[in-house]
Amino acid sequence: MFSAIVIFIHNVPEGLVTFFATIQDINLGIFMMIAILIHNIPEGMAIAIPIYYSTKSKTKAIALSFLAGLAESIGALLGYVVLYSFMSEELMASMFAVIAGIMVYISLDELLPAAEKYGEHHLAIRGLVFGMAVMAVSLIFLG
């Protein structure tokens, strides 16, 4: 359940960054969407598998994974409703910086310690590095 909440919080800024990238350049937005889509697969599994094994409910596992993914749409909608009318180069650069900081903080301060607590330290670090590599490679090939 904790992972679902953290990933929900993590997905709101992802929706914001995808929205801002799309405003800046439609191709950048599409590539960002594809890169985020790729990394959402393990995110969904990180939510669904523990929920299923703890509750034995496929419905609850799928519903919580879906809700966490829906947070990206909420982030994009917030960006449109709250910030779109104020959009400028400075605001966009500031938002990218803030969102990157939020992502790094959540990943390193919340997700990594939880992965280490319930798993193996080296496996958690390898997963972190592998995830970074997947994002980098997907941006290289899609960009």
Protein backbone atom coordinates (compact mmCIF):
# COMPACT_ATOMS: atom_id res chain seq x y z
CA MET A 1 0.00 0.00 0.00
CA PHE A 2 2.89 2.34 0.84
CA SER A 3 4.40 1.77 -2.61
CA ALA A 4 1.07 2.59 -4.26
CA ILE A 5 0.83 5.89 -2.36
CA VAL A 6 4.44 6.85 -3.11
CA ILE A 7 4.09 5.98 -6.79
CA PHE A 8 0.82 7.94 -6.94
CA ILE A 9 2.67 10.98 -5.54
CA HIS A 10 5.56 10.30 -7.94
CA ASN A 11 3.19 10.14 -10.94
CA VAL A 12 1.61 13.59 -10.44
CA PRO A 13 4.88 15.37 -11.33
CA GLU A 14 5.36 12.94 -14.24
CA GLY A 15 2.06 14.14 -15.65
CA LEU A 16 3.16 17.74 -15.16
CA VAL A 17 6.49 17.19 -16.90
CA THR A 18 4.84 15.41 -19.82
CA PHE A 19 2.34 18.25 -20.14
CA PHE A 20 5.09 20.90 -20.10
CA ALA A 21 7.24 18.93 -22.54
CA THR A 22 4.29 18.65 -24.93
CA ILE A 23 3.62 22.39 -24.75
CA GLN A 24 7.27 23.09 -25.53
CA ASP A 25 7.51 20.62 -28.42
CA ILE A 26 4.96 17.99 -29.45
CA ASN A 27 7.73 15.52 -30.44
CA LEU A 28 9.43 15.99 -27.07
CA GLY A 29 6.08 15.34 -25.37
CA ILE A 30 5.55 12.15 -27.36
CA PHE A 31 9.05 10.88 -26.57
CA MET A 32 8.61 11.76 -22.90
CA MET A 33 5.27 9.95 -22.85
CA ILE A 34 6.84 6.82 -24.37
CA ALA A 35 9.77 6.89 -21.92
CA ILE A 36 7.40 7.28 -18.96
CA LEU A 37 5.14 4.57 -20.38
CA ILE A 38 8.10 2.16 -20.46
CA HIS A 39 9.02 2.82 -16.87
CA ASN A 40 5.39 2.61 -15.74
CA ILE A 41 5.39 -1.12 -16.46
CA PRO A 42 7.63 -1.99 -13.48
CA GLU A 43 5.85 0.67 -11.41
CA GLY A 44 2.54 -1.08 -12.00
CA MET A 45 4.09 -4.43 -11.09
CA ALA A 46 5.63 -2.88 -7.95
CA ILE A 47 2.12 -1.99 -6.84
CA ALA A 48 0.07 -4.92 -8.15
CA ILE A 49 2.24 -7.85 -7.05
CA PRO A 50 2.54 -6.97 -3.33
CA ILE A 51 -1.13 -5.94 -3.16
CA TYR A 52 -2.20 -9.19 -4.78
CA TYR A 53 -0.03 -11.36 -2.51
CA SER A 54 -1.16 -9.55 0.63
CA THR A 55 -4.89 -9.45 -0.21
CA LYS A 56 -5.28 -12.26 -2.80
CA SER A 57 -7.49 -9.80 -4.70
CA LYS A 58 -6.74 -9.27 -8.37
CA THR A 59 -9.35 -6.53 -8.48
CA LYS A 60 -7.70 -4.55 -5.68
CA ALA A 61 -4.24 -5.02 -7.21
CA ILE A 62 -5.36 -3.81 -10.65
CA ALA A 63 -7.47 -0.97 -9.21
CA LEU A 64 -4.62 0.44 -7.11
CA SER A 65 -2.19 0.16 -10.02
CA PHE A 66 -4.71 1.95 -12.24
CA LEU A 67 -5.27 4.72 -9.68
CA ALA A 68 -1.52 5.28 -9.31
CA GLY A 69 -1.20 5.57 -13.09
CA LEU A 70 -4.20 7.91 -13.23
CA ALA A 71 -2.20 10.35 -11.11
CA GLU A 72 -0.24 11.32 -14.25
CA SER A 73 -3.44 12.55 -15.87
CA ILE A 74 -4.24 14.48 -12.71
CA GLY A 75 -0.78 16.09 -12.88
CA ALA A 76 -1.29 17.09 -16.51
CA LEU A 77 -4.73 18.48 -15.72
CA LEU A 78 -3.33 20.49 -12.80
CA GLY A 79 -0.65 21.88 -15.10
CA TYR A 80 -3.28 22.97 -17.59
CA VAL A 81 -5.77 24.41 -15.09
CA VAL A 82 -3.34 26.10 -12.71
CA LEU A 83 -0.23 27.00 -14.70
CA TYR A 84 -1.05 27.15 -18.41
CA SER A 85 -2.16 30.79 -18.40
CA PHE A 86 1.16 31.81 -16.73
CA MET A 87 3.35 29.75 -19.09
CA SER A 88 6.74 31.26 -19.90
CA GLU A 89 10.25 29.97 -20.58
CA GLU A 90 11.26 30.79 -16.99
CA LEU A 91 8.24 29.04 -15.48
CA MET A 92 8.79 25.98 -17.67
CA ALA A 93 12.49 25.76 -16.71
CA SER A 94 11.60 26.22 -13.04
CA MET A 95 8.91 23.55 -13.21
CA PHE A 96 11.28 21.05 -14.84
CA ALA A 97 13.84 21.74 -12.08
CA VAL A 98 11.27 21.40 -9.28
CA ILE A 99 9.78 18.23 -10.77
CA ALA A 100 13.23 16.67 -11.21
CA GLY A 101 14.00 17.46 -7.58
CA ILE A 102 10.73 15.91 -6.43
CA MET A 103 11.42 12.77 -8.46
CA VAL A 104 14.94 12.36 -7.11
CA TYR A 105 13.78 12.99 -3.54
CA ILE A 106 10.94 10.48 -3.69
CA SER A 107 13.10 7.87 -5.40
CA LEU A 108 16.11 8.16 -3.11
CA ASP A 109 14.43 9.07 0.18
CA GLU A 110 11.30 6.91 0.02
CA LEU A 111 11.47 4.17 -2.61
CA LEU A 112 15.11 3.11 -2.28
CA PRO A 113 15.03 2.73 1.54
CA ALA A 114 11.78 0.74 1.28
CA ALA A 115 13.35 -1.51 -1.37
CA GLU A 116 16.38 -2.04 0.85
CA LYS A 117 14.22 -2.71 3.93
CA TYR A 118 12.16 -5.41 2.27
CA GLY A 119 14.81 -6.74 -0.10
CA GLU A 120 18.54 -6.87 -0.57
CA HIS A 121 20.66 -3.71 -0.56
CA HIS A 122 22.68 -4.62 -3.65
CA LEU A 123 19.60 -5.70 -5.56
CA ALA A 124 17.90 -2.36 -4.79
CA ILE A 125 20.96 -0.41 -6.00
CA ARG A 126 21.19 -2.55 -9.15
CA GLY A 127 17.50 -1.86 -9.78
CA LEU A 128 18.10 1.87 -9.38
CA VAL A 129 21.02 1.84 -11.82
CA PHE A 130 19.16 -0.40 -14.28
CA GLY A 131 16.14 1.93 -14.16
CA MET A 132 18.34 4.93 -14.89
CA ALA A 133 19.94 3.05 -17.78
CA VAL A 134 16.55 2.11 -19.25
CA MET A 135 15.41 5.75 -19.10
CA ALA A 136 18.67 6.99 -20.66
CA VAL A 137 18.61 4.42 -23.46
CA SER A 138 14.94 5.05 -24.21
CA LEU A 139 15.56 8.81 -24.44
CA ILE A 140 18.58 8.26 -26.69
CA PHE A 141 16.76 5.95 -29.09
CA LEU A 142 13.49 7.85 -29.02
CA GLY A 143 15.09 11.30 -29.11
